[in-house]
Amino acid sequence: MSINQDQVVSIHYTLRDDAGEVIDRSAEGEPLAYLHGRGQLIPGLERELTGRSAGDRLQVRIPPAEGYGDYDPELVQRVPRRALKGVGEVRVGMRLQAQTPQGPRAVTVTQVGGDMVTLDGNHPLAGKNLHFDVEVAAVRAATEEELAHRHVHGAGGHHH
């Protein structure tokens, strides 16, 4: 099955910087699963995966201008302002140390609204090329529930 809009795609990936240093990779043995065409993956990477199928391996270099559109929900944490101890006034663009499920992370505030701030965990990569080694693990049609919620649940999906 080739990858088209509204299909659930599971990929193993390794993300490197220009020096070849590994920045991130999918969990050991567990691919990242996402709903294709729904803004859950870096847009430049999604485009490269369109039309491919399970078993395909590819290397994708994404220049900075292409790297950022909608963010993967796993990379963006919404943190209540009251949880940001010692931060008197929260400004967009301010760098903060935030506690995430993966441990402490330097993040940048991209939106402030009401009692919540949206923190962009991708920011340390801004202005750099992204180099992905990708293997397509599986492709399947999305369920009605996945389409309704616009994201994937369950093993290998997003864990909230």
C-alpha atoms as a PDB file:
ATOM      1  CA  MET A   1       0.000   0.000   0.000  1.00  0.00           C
ATOM      2  CA  SER A   2       1.492   3.376  -0.892  1.00  0.00           C
ATOM      3  CA  ILE A   3       1.269   6.401   1.383  1.00  0.00           C
ATOM      4  CA  ASN A   4      -1.585   8.776   0.576  1.00  0.00           C
ATOM      5  CA  GLN A   5      -3.681  11.318   2.493  1.00  0.00           C
ATOM      6  CA  ASP A   6      -5.507   9.934   5.557  1.00  0.00           C
ATOM      7  CA  GLN A   7      -3.417   6.800   5.924  1.00  0.00           C
ATOM      8  CA  VAL A   8      -1.687   5.806   9.130  1.00  0.00           C
ATOM      9  CA  VAL A   9       2.032   5.590   8.493  1.00  0.00           C
ATOM     10  CA  SER A  10       4.532   4.069  10.909  1.00  0.00           C
ATOM     11  CA  ILE A  11       8.152   5.086  10.467  1.00  0.00           C
ATOM     12  CA  HIS A  12      11.436   4.422  12.200  1.00  0.00           C
ATOM     13  CA  TYR A  13      13.524   7.572  11.980  1.00  0.00           C
ATOM     14  CA  THR A  14      16.841   9.002  13.088  1.00  0.00           C
ATOM     15  CA  LEU A  15      17.269  12.781  12.977  1.00  0.00           C
ATOM     16  CA  ARG A  16      20.793  14.185  12.681  1.00  0.00           C
ATOM     17  CA  ASP A  17      22.248  17.672  12.513  1.00  0.00           C
ATOM     18  CA  ASP A  18      24.692  18.827   9.819  1.00  0.00           C
ATOM     19  CA  ALA A  19      27.621  17.350  11.753  1.00  0.00           C
ATOM     20  CA  GLY A  20      25.944  13.936  11.737  1.00  0.00           C
ATOM     21  CA  GLU A  21      25.208  14.111  15.467  1.00  0.00           C
ATOM     22  CA  VAL A  22      22.005  12.230  16.382  1.00  0.00           C
ATOM     23  CA  ILE A  23      19.414  14.657  17.797  1.00  0.00           C
ATOM     24  CA  ASP A  24      16.409  12.366  18.027  1.00  0.00           C
ATOM     25  CA  ARG A  25      15.192   8.935  16.975  1.00  0.00           C
ATOM     26  CA  SER A  26      12.036   6.904  17.208  1.00  0.00           C
ATOM     27  CA  ALA A  27      11.788   4.724  20.313  1.00  0.00           C
ATOM     28  CA  GLU A  28      13.695   1.456  20.160  1.00  0.00           C
ATOM     29  CA  GLY A  29      11.572  -1.116  18.361  1.00  0.00           C
ATOM     30  CA  GLU A  30       8.555   1.189  18.334  1.00  0.00           C
ATOM     31  CA  PRO A  31       8.005   3.297  15.224  1.00  0.00           C
ATOM     32  CA  LEU A  32       6.348   6.706  15.265  1.00  0.00           C
ATOM     33  CA  ALA A  33       2.838   6.398  13.796  1.00  0.00           C
ATOM     34  CA  TYR A  34       1.067   9.422  12.375  1.00  0.00           C
ATOM     35  CA  LEU A  35      -1.940  10.305  10.215  1.00  0.00           C
ATOM     36  CA  HIS A  36      -0.574  11.329   6.818  1.00  0.00           C
ATOM     37  CA  GLY A  37      -1.630  14.735   5.510  1.00  0.00           C
ATOM     38  CA  ARG A  38      -2.898  15.963   8.882  1.00  0.00           C
ATOM     39  CA  GLY A  39       0.022  18.129   9.907  1.00  0.00           C
ATOM     40  CA  GLN A  40       1.491  15.750  12.448  1.00  0.00           C
ATOM     41  CA  LEU A  41       4.886  15.452  10.833  1.00  0.00           C
ATOM     42  CA  ILE A  42       7.406  17.990   9.547  1.00  0.00           C
ATOM     43  CA  PRO A  43       5.906  19.052   6.191  1.00  0.00           C
ATOM     44  CA  GLY A  44       9.105  18.516   4.160  1.00  0.00           C
ATOM     45  CA  LEU A  45       9.351  14.967   5.483  1.00  0.00           C
ATOM     46  CA  GLU A  46       5.675  14.243   4.795  1.00  0.00           C
ATOM     47  CA  ARG A  47       6.077  15.298   1.166  1.00  0.00           C
ATOM     48  CA  GLU A  48       9.030  12.960   0.705  1.00  0.00           C
ATOM     49  CA  LEU A  49       7.022  10.031   2.107  1.00  0.00           C
ATOM     50  CA  THR A  50       3.979  10.512  -0.147  1.00  0.00           C
ATOM     51  CA  GLY A  51       3.612   7.598  -2.569  1.00  0.00           C
ATOM     52  CA  ARG A  52       6.165   5.413  -0.798  1.00  0.00           C
ATOM     53  CA  SER A  53       5.275   2.109   0.800  1.00  0.00           C
ATOM     54  CA  ALA A  54       6.195  -0.203   3.663  1.00  0.00           C
ATOM     55  CA  GLY A  55       9.818  -1.317   3.587  1.00  0.00           C
ATOM     56  CA  ASP A  56      11.073   1.803   1.795  1.00  0.00           C
ATOM     57  CA  ARG A  57      14.156   3.461   3.242  1.00  0.00           C
ATOM     58  CA  LEU A  58      15.134   7.014   2.427  1.00  0.00           C
ATOM     59  CA  GLN A  59      17.382   9.845   3.493  1.00  0.00           C
ATOM     60  CA  VAL A  60      15.737  13.245   3.599  1.00  0.00           C
ATOM     61  CA  ARG A  61      17.496  16.584   4.016  1.00  0.00           C
ATOM     62  CA  ILE A  62      15.121  19.375   4.943  1.00  0.00           C
ATOM     63  CA  PRO A  63      16.407  22.969   4.817  1.00  0.00           C
ATOM     64  CA  PRO A  64      15.371  25.296   7.659  1.00  0.00           C
ATOM     65  CA  ALA A  65      12.723  27.140   5.635  1.00  0.00           C
ATOM     66  CA  GLU A  66      10.892  23.864   5.020  1.00  0.00           C
ATOM     67  CA  GLY A  67      11.281  22.419   8.467  1.00  0.00           C
ATOM     68  CA  TYR A  68       8.460  24.043  10.346  1.00  0.00           C
ATOM     69  CA  GLY A  69       4.718  24.140   9.810  1.00  0.00           C
ATOM     70  CA  ASP A  70       2.296  22.377  12.104  1.00  0.00           C
ATOM     71  CA  TYR A  71       4.141  20.757  14.966  1.00  0.00           C
ATOM     72  CA  ASP A  72       3.876  17.164  16.012  1.00  0.00           C
ATOM     73  CA  PRO A  73       1.752  17.170  19.213  1.00  0.00           C
ATOM     74  CA  GLU A  74       4.452  15.143  20.963  1.00  0.00           C
ATOM     75  CA  LEU A  75       6.924  17.986  20.485  1.00  0.00           C
ATOM     76  CA  VAL A  76       4.641  20.705  21.805  1.00  0.00           C
ATOM     77  CA  GLN A  77       3.537  20.745  25.412  1.00  0.00           C
ATOM     78  CA  ARG A  78       0.800  23.000  26.691  1.00  0.00           C
ATOM     79  CA  VAL A  79       1.897  24.020  30.165  1.00  0.00           C
ATOM     80  CA  PRO A  80      -0.258  25.972  32.639  1.00  0.00           C
ATOM     81  CA  ARG A  81       1.334  29.312  33.423  1.00  0.00           C
ATOM     82  CA  ARG A  82       1.111  28.600  37.139  1.00  0.00           C
ATOM     83  CA  ALA A  83       3.447  25.635  36.583  1.00  0.00           C
ATOM     84  CA  LEU A  84       6.206  27.965  35.380  1.00  0.00           C
ATOM     85  CA  LYS A  85       7.676  28.784  38.773  1.00  0.00           C
ATOM     86  CA  GLY A  86       9.650  31.975  39.020  1.00  0.00           C
ATOM     87  CA  VAL A  87       8.501  33.318  35.656  1.00  0.00           C
ATOM     88  CA  GLY A  88       6.689  36.559  36.414  1.00  0.00           C
ATOM     89  CA  GLU A  89       5.563  37.608  32.988  1.00  0.00           C
ATOM     90  CA  VAL A  90       5.503  35.131  30.121  1.00  0.00           C
ATOM     91  CA  ARG A  91       6.424  36.592  26.727  1.00  0.00           C
ATOM     92  CA  VAL A  92       6.300  34.958  23.327  1.00  0.00           C
ATOM     93  CA  GLY A  93       9.842  34.080  22.302  1.00  0.00           C
ATOM     94  CA  MET A  94      11.052  33.627  25.896  1.00  0.00           C
ATOM     95  CA  ARG A  95      13.204  30.552  26.496  1.00  0.00           C
ATOM     96  CA  LEU A  96      12.188  28.414  29.464  1.00  0.00           C
ATOM     97  CA  GLN A  97      13.223  25.164  31.086  1.00  0.00           C
ATOM     98  CA  ALA A  98      10.094  23.022  31.134  1.00  0.00           C
ATOM     99  CA  GLN A  99       9.533  19.620  32.669  1.00  0.00           C
ATOM    100  CA  THR A 100       8.169  17.267  29.991  1.00  0.00           C
ATOM    101  CA  PRO A 101       7.335  13.558  30.141  1.00  0.00           C
ATOM    102  CA  GLN A 102      10.763  12.971  28.542  1.00  0.00           C
ATOM    103  CA  GLY A 103      12.534  15.011  31.228  1.00  0.00           C
ATOM    104  CA  PRO A 104      13.663  18.667  31.372  1.00  0.00           C
ATOM    105  CA  ARG A 105      13.728  20.488  28.069  1.00  0.00           C
ATOM    106  CA  ALA A 106      14.608  24.011  26.948  1.00  0.00           C
ATOM    107  CA  VAL A 107      11.601  25.375  25.129  1.00  0.00           C
ATOM    108  CA  THR A 108      10.444  28.614  23.555  1.00  0.00           C
ATOM    109  CA  VAL A 109       7.037  30.153  24.177  1.00  0.00           C
ATOM    110  CA  THR A 110       5.177  30.441  20.869  1.00  0.00           C
ATOM    111  CA  GLN A 111       1.711  31.418  22.143  1.00  0.00           C
ATOM    112  CA  VAL A 112       0.262  32.840  25.335  1.00  0.00           C
ATOM    113  CA  GLY A 113      -3.482  32.612  25.907  1.00  0.00           C
ATOM    114  CA  GLY A 114      -5.608  32.661  29.047  1.00  0.00           C
ATOM    115  CA  ASP A 115      -3.981  30.457  31.635  1.00  0.00           C
ATOM    116  CA  MET A 116      -1.944  28.434  29.137  1.00  0.00           C
ATOM    117  CA  VAL A 117       1.247  28.876  27.172  1.00  0.00           C
ATOM    118  CA  THR A 118       2.225  26.757  24.188  1.00  0.00           C
ATOM    119  CA  LEU A 119       5.856  25.736  24.244  1.00  0.00           C
ATOM    120  CA  ASP A 120       7.729  24.823  21.091  1.00  0.00           C
ATOM    121  CA  GLY A 121      10.147  21.985  21.756  1.00  0.00           C
ATOM    122  CA  ASN A 122      11.506  22.121  18.198  1.00  0.00           C
ATOM    123  CA  HIS A 123      13.154  25.496  18.628  1.00  0.00           C
ATOM    124  CA  PRO A 124      16.759  24.348  19.251  1.00  0.00           C
ATOM    125  CA  LEU A 125      16.774  23.117  15.627  1.00  0.00           C
ATOM    126  CA  ALA A 126      15.568  26.379  14.120  1.00  0.00           C
ATOM    127  CA  GLY A 127      17.880  27.565  11.358  1.00  0.00           C
ATOM    128  CA  LYS A 128      19.548  24.170  10.908  1.00  0.00           C
ATOM    129  CA  ASN A 129      19.184  21.542   8.230  1.00  0.00           C
ATOM    130  CA  LEU A 130      17.340  18.445   9.386  1.00  0.00           C
ATOM    131  CA  HIS A 131      18.714  15.127   8.156  1.00  0.00           C
ATOM    132  CA  PHE A 132      16.386  12.152   8.507  1.00  0.00           C
ATOM    133  CA  ASP A 133      17.129   8.482   7.918  1.00  0.00           C
ATOM    134  CA  VAL A 134      13.683   6.956   7.548  1.00  0.00           C
ATOM    135  CA  GLU A 135      12.365   3.436   7.163  1.00  0.00           C
ATOM    136  CA  VAL A 136       8.654   3.024   6.460  1.00  0.00           C
ATOM    137  CA  ALA A 137       7.507   0.257   8.819  1.00  0.00           C
ATOM    138  CA  ALA A 138       3.808   0.025   7.916  1.00  0.00           C
ATOM    139  CA  VAL A 139       1.016   1.788   6.040  1.00  0.00           C
ATOM    140  CA  ARG A 140      -2.708   1.246   6.659  1.00  0.00           C
ATOM    141  CA  ALA A 141      -6.020   3.028   6.215  1.00  0.00           C
ATOM    142  CA  ALA A 142      -7.039   5.228   9.144  1.00  0.00           C
ATOM    143  CA  THR A 143     -10.038   4.263  11.256  1.00  0.00           C
ATOM    144  CA  GLU A 144     -13.112   6.529  11.512  1.00  0.00           C
ATOM    145  CA  GLU A 145     -12.111   7.376  15.075  1.00  0.00           C
ATOM    146  CA  GLU A 146      -8.602   8.375  14.026  1.00  0.00           C
ATOM    147  CA  LEU A 147      -9.983  10.611  11.289  1.00  0.00           C
ATOM    148  CA  ALA A 148     -12.455  12.196  13.700  1.00  0.00           C
ATOM    149  CA  HIS A 149      -9.712  12.959  16.231  1.00  0.00           C
ATOM    150  CA  ARG A 150      -7.121  13.735  13.543  1.00  0.00           C
ATOM    151  CA  HIS A 151      -4.458  11.650  15.236  1.00  0.00           C
ATOM    152  CA  VAL A 152      -3.424   8.105  15.983  1.00  0.00           C
ATOM    153  CA  HIS A 153      -3.919   6.150  19.229  1.00  0.00           C
ATOM    154  CA  GLY A 154      -2.510   2.889  20.441  1.00  0.00           C
ATOM    155  CA  ALA A 155       0.777   1.039  20.048  1.00  0.00           C
ATOM    156  CA  GLY A 156       3.300   3.019  18.066  1.00  0.00           C
ATOM    157  CA  GLY A 157       0.960   6.016  17.955  1.00  0.00           C
ATOM    158  CA  HIS A 158       1.037   9.207  19.951  1.00  0.00           C
ATOM    159  CA  HIS A 159       1.023   8.734  23.685  1.00  0.00           C
ATOM    160  CA  HIS A 160      -0.760  11.501  25.528  1.00  0.00           C
END
